[in-house]
C-alpha atoms as a PDB file:
ATOM      1  CA  UNK A   1       0.077  -0.068  -0.333  1.00  0.00           C
ATOM      2  CA  UNK A   2       1.236   3.082  -1.237  1.00  0.00           C
ATOM      3  CA  UNK A   3       1.379   6.072   1.598  1.00  0.00           C
ATOM      4  CA  UNK A   4      -0.691   8.008  -0.757  1.00  0.00           C
ATOM      5  CA  UNK A   5      -3.522   4.655   0.162  1.00  0.00           C
ATOM      6  CA  UNK A   6      -2.638   4.882   3.461  1.00  0.00           C
ATOM      7  CA  UNK A   7      -3.073   9.005   4.351  1.00  0.00           C
ATOM      8  CA  UNK A   8      -6.871   7.879   2.238  1.00  0.00           C
ATOM      9  CA  UNK A   9      -7.834   5.197   4.152  1.00  0.00           C
ATOM     10  CA  UNK A  10      -6.759   7.135   7.770  1.00  0.00           C
ATOM     11  CA  UNK A  11      -8.936  10.241   6.152  1.00  0.00           C
ATOM     12  CA  UNK A  12     -11.896   8.134   5.029  1.00  0.00           C
ATOM     13  CA  UNK A  13     -11.937   6.643   8.867  1.00  0.00           C
ATOM     14  CA  UNK A  14     -11.313   9.801  10.519  1.00  0.00           C
ATOM     15  CA  UNK A  15     -14.402  11.561   8.543  1.00  0.00           C
ATOM     16  CA  UNK A  16     -16.786   8.724  10.252  1.00  0.00           C
ATOM     17  CA  UNK A  17     -18.528   8.192  13.120  1.00  0.00           C
ATOM     18  CA  UNK A  18     -18.506   4.688  15.168  1.00  0.00           C
ATOM     19  CA  UNK A  19     -21.829   3.252  14.372  1.00  0.00           C
ATOM     20  CA  UNK A  20     -21.662   0.544  17.163  1.00  0.00           C
ATOM     21  CA  UNK A  21     -18.897  -1.996  18.363  1.00  0.00           C
ATOM     22  CA  UNK A  22     -19.694  -6.114  17.862  1.00  0.00           C
ATOM     23  CA  UNK A  23     -20.345  -7.974  19.314  1.00  0.00           C
ATOM     24  CA  UNK A  24     -17.298  -9.731  18.707  1.00  0.00           C
ATOM     25  CA  UNK A  25     -15.008  -7.404  18.959  1.00  0.00           C
ATOM     26  CA  UNK A  26     -16.918  -6.703  22.906  1.00  0.00           C
ATOM     27  CA  UNK A  27     -15.232 -10.169  23.506  1.00  0.00           C
ATOM     28  CA  UNK A  28     -12.401  -9.886  22.203  1.00  0.00           C
ATOM     29  CA  UNK A  29     -11.892  -6.232  24.102  1.00  0.00           C
ATOM     30  CA  UNK A  30     -12.715  -8.134  27.094  1.00  0.00           C
ATOM     31  CA  UNK A  31     -10.517 -11.327  26.709  1.00  0.00           C
ATOM     32  CA  UNK A  32      -7.242  -8.674  25.200  1.00  0.00           C
ATOM     33  CA  UNK A  33      -7.534  -5.893  27.393  1.00  0.00           C
ATOM     34  CA  UNK A  34      -8.152  -3.219  25.146  1.00  0.00           C
ATOM     35  CA  UNK A  35     -10.443  -0.921  26.449  1.00  0.00           C
ATOM     36  CA  UNK A  36     -13.144   1.625  23.722  1.00  0.00           C
ATOM     37  CA  UNK A  37     -11.334   4.585  24.599  1.00  0.00           C
ATOM     38  CA  UNK A  38      -8.445   3.058  22.967  1.00  0.00           C
ATOM     39  CA  UNK A  39     -10.312   1.600  20.133  1.00  0.00           C
ATOM     40  CA  UNK A  40     -11.290   5.265  19.435  1.00  0.00           C
ATOM     41  CA  UNK A  41      -7.563   6.673  20.220  1.00  0.00           C
ATOM     42  CA  UNK A  42      -6.895   3.901  17.141  1.00  0.00           C
ATOM     43  CA  UNK A  43      -9.783   4.750  14.945  1.00  0.00           C
ATOM     44  CA  UNK A  44      -8.681   8.395  15.455  1.00  0.00           C
ATOM     45  CA  UNK A  45      -5.331   8.437  15.465  1.00  0.00           C
ATOM     46  CA  UNK A  46      -3.890   4.864  14.211  1.00  0.00           C
ATOM     47  CA  UNK A  47      -2.050   4.058  10.934  1.00  0.00           C
ATOM     48  CA  UNK A  48      -3.742   2.297   8.410  1.00  0.00           C
ATOM     49  CA  UNK A  49      -2.167  -1.920   8.468  1.00  0.00           C
ATOM     50  CA  UNK A  50      -4.558  -2.964   5.743  1.00  0.00           C
ATOM     51  CA  UNK A  51      -7.925  -2.213   3.118  1.00  0.00           C
ATOM     52  CA  UNK A  52      -9.886  -5.697   2.332  1.00  0.00           C
ATOM     53  CA  UNK A  53     -13.313  -6.073   0.827  1.00  0.00           C
ATOM     54  CA  UNK A  54     -13.891  -9.061   3.477  1.00  0.00           C
ATOM     55  CA  UNK A  55     -17.599 -10.321   4.144  1.00  0.00           C
ATOM     56  CA  UNK A  56     -18.452  -7.914   0.945  1.00  0.00           C
ATOM     57  CA  UNK A  57     -18.375  -5.082   3.246  1.00  0.00           C
ATOM     58  CA  UNK A  58     -14.518  -3.018   3.095  1.00  0.00           C
ATOM     59  CA  UNK A  59     -12.540  -3.312   5.795  1.00  0.00           C
ATOM     60  CA  UNK A  60      -9.841  -1.545   7.223  1.00  0.00           C
ATOM     61  CA  UNK A  61      -6.921  -2.837  10.089  1.00  0.00           C
ATOM     62  CA  UNK A  62      -5.115   0.156  12.221  1.00  0.00           C
ATOM     63  CA  UNK A  63      -2.677   0.213  14.520  1.00  0.00           C
ATOM     64  CA  UNK A  64      -1.790   2.924  17.085  1.00  0.00           C
ATOM     65  CA  UNK A  65       0.825   2.539  19.664  1.00  0.00           C
ATOM     66  CA  UNK A  66      -2.223   3.475  22.250  1.00  0.00           C
ATOM     67  CA  UNK A  67      -1.316   0.829  25.561  1.00  0.00           C
ATOM     68  CA  UNK A  68       2.353   1.342  26.125  1.00  0.00           C
ATOM     69  CA  UNK A  69       4.530  -1.447  25.087  1.00  0.00           C
ATOM     70  CA  UNK A  70       0.720  -2.115  23.663  1.00  0.00           C
ATOM     71  CA  UNK A  71      -0.191  -1.182  19.941  1.00  0.00           C
ATOM     72  CA  UNK A  72      -4.460  -1.535  20.063  1.00  0.00           C
ATOM     73  CA  UNK A  73      -5.704  -3.270  16.337  1.00  0.00           C
ATOM     74  CA  UNK A  74      -8.880  -1.713  15.484  1.00  0.00           C
ATOM     75  CA  UNK A  75     -10.427  -3.735  12.189  1.00  0.00           C
ATOM     76  CA  UNK A  76     -13.472  -1.527  10.788  1.00  0.00           C
ATOM     77  CA  UNK A  77     -15.917  -2.184   9.134  1.00  0.00           C
ATOM     78  CA  UNK A  78     -15.953   1.185   6.207  1.00  0.00           C
ATOM     79  CA  UNK A  79     -20.350   0.474   4.981  1.00  0.00           C
ATOM     80  CA  UNK A  80     -21.630  -0.539   8.198  1.00  0.00           C
ATOM     81  CA  UNK A  81     -19.013   1.498  10.492  1.00  0.00           C
ATOM     82  CA  UNK A  82     -19.128  -1.122  12.508  1.00  0.00           C
ATOM     83  CA  UNK A  83     -15.613  -1.848  14.784  1.00  0.00           C
ATOM     84  CA  UNK A  84     -15.412  -5.697  13.727  1.00  0.00           C
ATOM     85  CA  UNK A  85     -13.262  -7.158  16.553  1.00  0.00           C
ATOM     86  CA  UNK A  86      -9.097  -5.668  17.942  1.00  0.00           C
ATOM     87  CA  UNK A  87      -7.228  -7.357  19.553  1.00  0.00           C
ATOM     88  CA  UNK A  88      -3.013  -6.150  20.846  1.00  0.00           C
ATOM     89  CA  UNK A  89       0.758  -6.813  18.684  1.00  0.00           C
ATOM     90  CA  UNK A  90       3.649  -5.574  20.692  1.00  0.00           C
ATOM     91  CA  UNK A  91       4.777  -2.571  19.365  1.00  0.00           C
ATOM     92  CA  UNK A  92       8.348  -3.824  18.577  1.00  0.00           C
ATOM     93  CA  UNK A  93       6.490  -6.680  16.361  1.00  0.00           C
ATOM     94  CA  UNK A  94       7.534  -6.071  13.320  1.00  0.00           C
ATOM     95  CA  UNK A  95       5.153  -9.530  11.872  1.00  0.00           C
ATOM     96  CA  UNK A  96       8.458 -11.660  10.007  1.00  0.00           C
ATOM     97  CA  UNK A  97       6.992 -14.137   9.349  1.00  0.00           C
ATOM     98  CA  UNK A  98       3.813 -12.734   7.413  1.00  0.00           C
ATOM     99  CA  UNK A  99       3.567 -13.584   4.098  1.00  0.00           C
ATOM    100  CA  UNK A 100       2.390 -10.254   2.901  1.00  0.00           C
ATOM    101  CA  UNK A 101       0.895 -12.190  -0.230  1.00  0.00           C
ATOM    102  CA  UNK A 102      -2.073 -13.388   1.603  1.00  0.00           C
ATOM    103  CA  UNK A 103      -2.822  -9.583   2.281  1.00  0.00           C
ATOM    104  CA  UNK A 104      -2.139  -7.806  -1.215  1.00  0.00           C
ATOM    105  CA  UNK A 105      -5.171  -6.752  -2.426  1.00  0.00           C
ATOM    106  CA  UNK A 106      -4.763  -5.480  -7.047  1.00  0.00           C
ATOM    107  CA  UNK A 107      -6.913  -2.237  -6.559  1.00  0.00           C
ATOM    108  CA  UNK A 108      -6.037   1.486  -6.690  1.00  0.00           C
ATOM    109  CA  UNK A 109      -7.476   2.548  -3.169  1.00  0.00           C
ATOM    110  CA  UNK A 110      -7.717   6.480  -3.683  1.00  0.00           C
ATOM    111  CA  UNK A 111      -9.912   5.869  -6.757  1.00  0.00           C
ATOM    112  CA  UNK A 112     -11.600   3.079  -4.476  1.00  0.00           C
ATOM    113  CA  UNK A 113     -12.259   5.492  -1.451  1.00  0.00           C
ATOM    114  CA  UNK A 114     -13.371   8.355  -4.016  1.00  0.00           C
ATOM    115  CA  UNK A 115     -16.469   6.187  -5.582  1.00  0.00           C
ATOM    116  CA  UNK A 116     -17.568   4.365  -2.682  1.00  0.00           C
END
């Protein structure tokens, strides 16, 4: 994802109001120790990590260092303006074993967000 695409995602998320937090996300909040305020902070200041079309809706993953040595990771549905799920990652976790090809979507994100 290009810096312009990341910025476009971040601007879109920041322009929307959270309509709800999904039941699954509430469960994960309890399991992972992520608060509602940390979710809101992540949506307001987090870095866009990825965007994908999942369950027939556009979902974005944002990450922000808002929990001391932990980052809050939030999946947000742009279509439903809903927090789908949350978890924590250590701030030094660089995902060295991640196979990035599974997460690359061959689409111009800026153009996509301009028409959505």
